[in-house]
């Protein structure tokens, strides 16, 4: 089963994954040779983590997300484009809710509780990311959160965009869990509504 968003194109996902990984490495090498930045280390670390986590191995959308955020966004300066940052935070909210669903579904069998916990995990990750950006400002004077120009507004907007995407994906998972399960090769949905359990 091919993974979303390439499902309609019937592309060999393993080949696409490896091609994207090679493109990412070549971009990092090029940027290292032309202009050294500490963000290269962040990009490389994230790629290594994603590449070696077995549960998300060959999930092209995760490597594509890291390529869009760290390689193009931070290293190549795409975050200077209008709304690029907001789009990436929106995308991150969707991805982290899906990851939370994949992990938490094994442990939480009540559907309403699972939906709440998925959004709690996504919100916590969005918060930790903003702390990470603020740490970059304090330690390296790298103003990813645009503290000097927008104050707290950028941070709040980033978290709101991430939260909205999380809610949208949560609704899709709630209404169509078998679709997400089939994309990620999860066991069939055996979640119960807690209200149905209490009447039995």
Protein backbone atom coordinates (compact mmCIF):
# COMPACT_ATOMS: atom_id res chain seq x y z
CA UNK A 1 0.00 0.00 0.00
CA UNK A 2 1.50 3.33 -1.02
CA UNK A 3 1.44 6.11 1.47
CA UNK A 4 -0.51 9.36 1.13
CA UNK A 5 0.00 11.88 -0.75
CA UNK A 6 1.50 9.80 -3.58
CA UNK A 7 -1.16 7.09 -3.52
CA UNK A 8 -2.86 8.35 -6.70
CA UNK A 9 0.37 8.30 -8.69
CA UNK A 10 1.26 4.66 -7.93
CA UNK A 11 4.94 5.54 -7.49
CA UNK A 12 7.42 3.07 -6.03
CA UNK A 13 7.71 4.57 -2.54
CA UNK A 14 11.03 2.92 -1.69
CA UNK A 15 12.67 4.49 -4.75
CA UNK A 16 11.06 7.86 -4.04
CA UNK A 17 12.21 7.71 -0.41
CA UNK A 18 15.81 6.96 -1.38
CA UNK A 19 15.77 9.67 -4.06
CA UNK A 20 14.54 12.24 -1.57
CA UNK A 21 17.17 11.14 0.94
CA UNK A 22 19.93 11.52 -1.69
CA UNK A 23 18.56 14.94 -2.71
CA UNK A 24 18.59 16.01 0.94
CA UNK A 25 22.18 14.87 1.47
CA UNK A 26 23.35 16.61 -1.72
CA UNK A 27 21.61 19.83 -0.66
CA UNK A 28 23.29 19.66 2.75
CA UNK A 29 26.72 19.08 1.18
CA UNK A 30 26.19 21.99 -1.22
CA UNK A 31 25.14 24.32 1.60
CA UNK A 32 28.08 23.19 3.73
CA UNK A 33 30.51 24.02 0.94
CA UNK A 34 28.92 27.39 0.14
CA UNK A 35 27.86 28.71 3.53
CA UNK A 36 28.31 26.97 6.88
CA UNK A 37 25.41 27.16 9.35
CA UNK A 38 24.79 25.38 12.63
CA UNK A 39 21.34 24.40 11.33
CA UNK A 40 23.06 21.83 9.10
CA UNK A 41 23.72 19.77 12.21
CA UNK A 42 20.04 19.93 13.11
CA UNK A 43 19.07 18.80 9.60
CA UNK A 44 21.48 15.89 9.63
CA UNK A 45 20.41 14.81 13.14
CA UNK A 46 16.73 14.83 12.20
CA UNK A 47 17.38 12.85 9.03
CA UNK A 48 19.33 10.22 10.96
CA UNK A 49 16.60 9.91 13.58
CA UNK A 50 13.85 9.53 10.99
CA UNK A 51 15.88 7.11 8.90
CA UNK A 52 16.51 4.71 11.77
CA UNK A 53 13.11 4.64 13.49
CA UNK A 54 11.67 1.37 12.16
CA UNK A 55 8.03 2.39 12.51
CA UNK A 56 8.36 5.30 10.09
CA UNK A 57 11.02 3.87 7.80
CA UNK A 58 10.15 4.47 4.14
CA UNK A 59 7.43 6.96 5.06
CA UNK A 60 8.31 9.53 2.44
CA UNK A 61 6.10 12.28 3.83
CA UNK A 62 8.22 12.44 7.02
CA UNK A 63 11.50 12.79 5.14
CA UNK A 64 9.80 15.28 2.81
CA UNK A 65 8.70 17.30 5.85
CA UNK A 66 12.25 17.40 7.23
CA UNK A 67 13.52 18.40 3.80
CA UNK A 68 10.96 21.24 3.60
CA UNK A 69 11.58 22.51 7.14
CA UNK A 70 15.25 22.03 7.91
CA UNK A 71 16.95 21.82 4.53
CA UNK A 72 14.89 24.25 2.44
CA UNK A 73 13.37 26.28 5.28
CA UNK A 74 16.28 26.85 7.64
CA UNK A 75 19.40 26.04 5.66
CA UNK A 76 18.33 27.49 2.30
CA UNK A 77 16.33 30.41 3.72
CA UNK A 78 12.80 29.53 2.59
CA UNK A 79 11.47 30.72 5.96
CA UNK A 80 11.97 34.25 4.64
CA UNK A 81 9.12 33.63 2.17
CA UNK A 82 5.70 34.87 3.34
CA UNK A 83 3.61 32.20 5.14
CA UNK A 84 6.15 29.42 4.58
CA UNK A 85 6.63 29.12 8.35
CA UNK A 86 2.86 28.95 8.96
CA UNK A 87 2.43 26.25 6.31
CA UNK A 88 5.20 24.17 7.90
CA UNK A 89 3.62 24.47 11.35
CA UNK A 90 0.25 23.48 9.87
CA UNK A 91 1.89 20.45 8.25
CA UNK A 92 3.67 19.53 11.49
CA UNK A 93 0.38 19.49 13.39
CA UNK A 94 -1.04 17.00 10.90
CA UNK A 95 2.05 14.77 10.98
CA UNK A 96 2.35 14.70 14.78
CA UNK A 97 -1.32 13.80 15.23
CA UNK A 98 -0.86 10.87 12.84
CA UNK A 99 2.27 9.73 14.70
CA UNK A 100 0.41 10.06 18.03
CA UNK A 101 -2.44 7.98 16.60
CA UNK A 102 -0.07 5.25 15.40
CA UNK A 103 1.59 5.01 18.82
CA UNK A 104 -1.36 5.59 21.17
CA UNK A 105 -3.84 3.35 19.35
CA UNK A 106 -2.06 0.32 20.80
CA UNK A 107 -2.63 1.51 24.38
CA UNK A 108 -5.86 3.53 24.40
CA UNK A 109 -8.96 1.63 23.32
CA UNK A 110 -11.61 4.28 24.01
CA UNK A 111 -12.06 6.43 20.93
CA UNK A 112 -12.90 9.80 22.60
CA UNK A 113 -9.95 9.50 24.99
CA UNK A 114 -7.64 8.58 22.11
CA UNK A 115 -8.74 11.65 20.11
CA UNK A 116 -8.11 13.94 23.10
CA UNK A 117 -4.70 12.40 23.82
CA UNK A 118 -3.64 12.70 20.17
CA UNK A 119 -4.26 16.45 20.32
CA UNK A 120 -2.55 16.73 23.71
CA UNK A 121 0.57 15.09 22.26
CA UNK A 122 0.49 17.35 19.19
CA UNK A 123 0.06 20.48 21.33
CA UNK A 124 2.89 19.40 23.65
CA UNK A 125 5.21 18.86 20.65
CA UNK A 126 4.24 22.27 19.22
CA UNK A 127 5.07 23.83 22.60
CA UNK A 128 8.41 22.02 22.82
CA UNK A 129 9.26 23.16 19.28
CA UNK A 130 8.63 26.78 20.26
CA UNK A 131 10.87 26.27 23.32
CA UNK A 132 13.51 24.88 20.95
CA UNK A 133 13.21 27.99 18.74
CA UNK A 134 13.47 30.26 21.78
CA UNK A 135 16.54 28.34 22.96
CA UNK A 136 18.13 29.05 19.57
CA UNK A 137 17.57 32.75 20.24
CA UNK A 138 19.12 32.59 23.71
CA UNK A 139 22.07 30.35 22.88
CA UNK A 140 22.95 31.29 19.29
CA UNK A 141 21.09 34.57 18.74
CA UNK A 142 19.17 32.79 15.95
CA UNK A 143 15.74 34.43 15.89
CA UNK A 144 13.57 31.64 14.44
CA UNK A 145 10.63 32.79 16.57
CA UNK A 146 11.01 36.37 15.27
CA UNK A 147 11.11 37.61 18.84
CA UNK A 148 12.61 40.97 17.90
CA UNK A 149 10.03 41.80 15.23
CA UNK A 150 6.76 40.13 16.25
CA UNK A 151 7.17 39.32 19.92
CA UNK A 152 4.86 36.57 21.09
CA UNK A 153 2.59 36.78 18.02
CA UNK A 154 4.71 34.47 15.85
CA UNK A 155 4.88 31.83 18.57
CA UNK A 156 1.13 31.91 19.19
CA UNK A 157 0.30 31.83 15.47
CA UNK A 158 2.63 28.86 14.96
CA UNK A 159 0.94 26.92 17.76
CA UNK A 160 -2.55 27.85 16.54
CA UNK A 161 -1.80 26.70 12.97
CA UNK A 162 -0.40 23.44 14.31
CA UNK A 163 -3.43 22.95 16.58
CA UNK A 164 -5.94 23.59 13.77
CA UNK A 165 -4.22 21.03 11.53
CA UNK A 166 -4.26 18.58 14.43
CA UNK A 167 -8.00 19.05 14.87
CA UNK A 168 -8.65 18.53 11.16
CA UNK A 169 -6.65 15.29 11.05
CA UNK A 170 -8.24 14.12 14.31
CA UNK A 171 -11.68 14.59 12.74
CA UNK A 172 -10.59 12.63 9.64
CA UNK A 173 -9.22 9.82 11.83
CA UNK A 174 -12.41 9.83 13.91
CA UNK A 175 -14.65 9.56 10.85
CA UNK A 176 -12.45 7.31 8.68
CA UNK A 177 -10.07 5.32 10.93
CA UNK A 178 -9.85 2.40 8.50
CA UNK A 179 -8.41 4.71 5.81
CA UNK A 180 -5.53 5.83 8.05
CA UNK A 181 -5.05 2.27 9.32
CA UNK A 182 -4.70 0.96 5.77
CA UNK A 183 -2.21 3.70 4.81
CA UNK A 184 0.04 2.89 7.76
CA UNK A 185 -0.61 -0.88 7.81
CA UNK A 186 -2.11 -0.79 11.30
CA UNK A 187 -4.32 -3.52 12.74
CA UNK A 188 -8.05 -3.07 12.10
CA UNK A 189 -9.81 -0.44 14.17
CA UNK A 190 -11.09 -2.01 17.38
CA UNK A 191 -11.79 1.23 19.18
CA UNK A 192 -15.01 1.49 21.12
CA UNK A 193 -17.00 4.55 22.01
CA UNK A 194 -16.98 4.74 25.80
CA UNK A 195 -20.71 5.52 25.83
CA UNK A 196 -21.41 2.27 23.97
CA UNK A 197 -19.30 0.32 26.47
CA UNK A 198 -21.19 1.73 29.42
CA UNK A 199 -24.56 0.58 28.00
CA UNK A 200 -23.38 -3.02 27.49
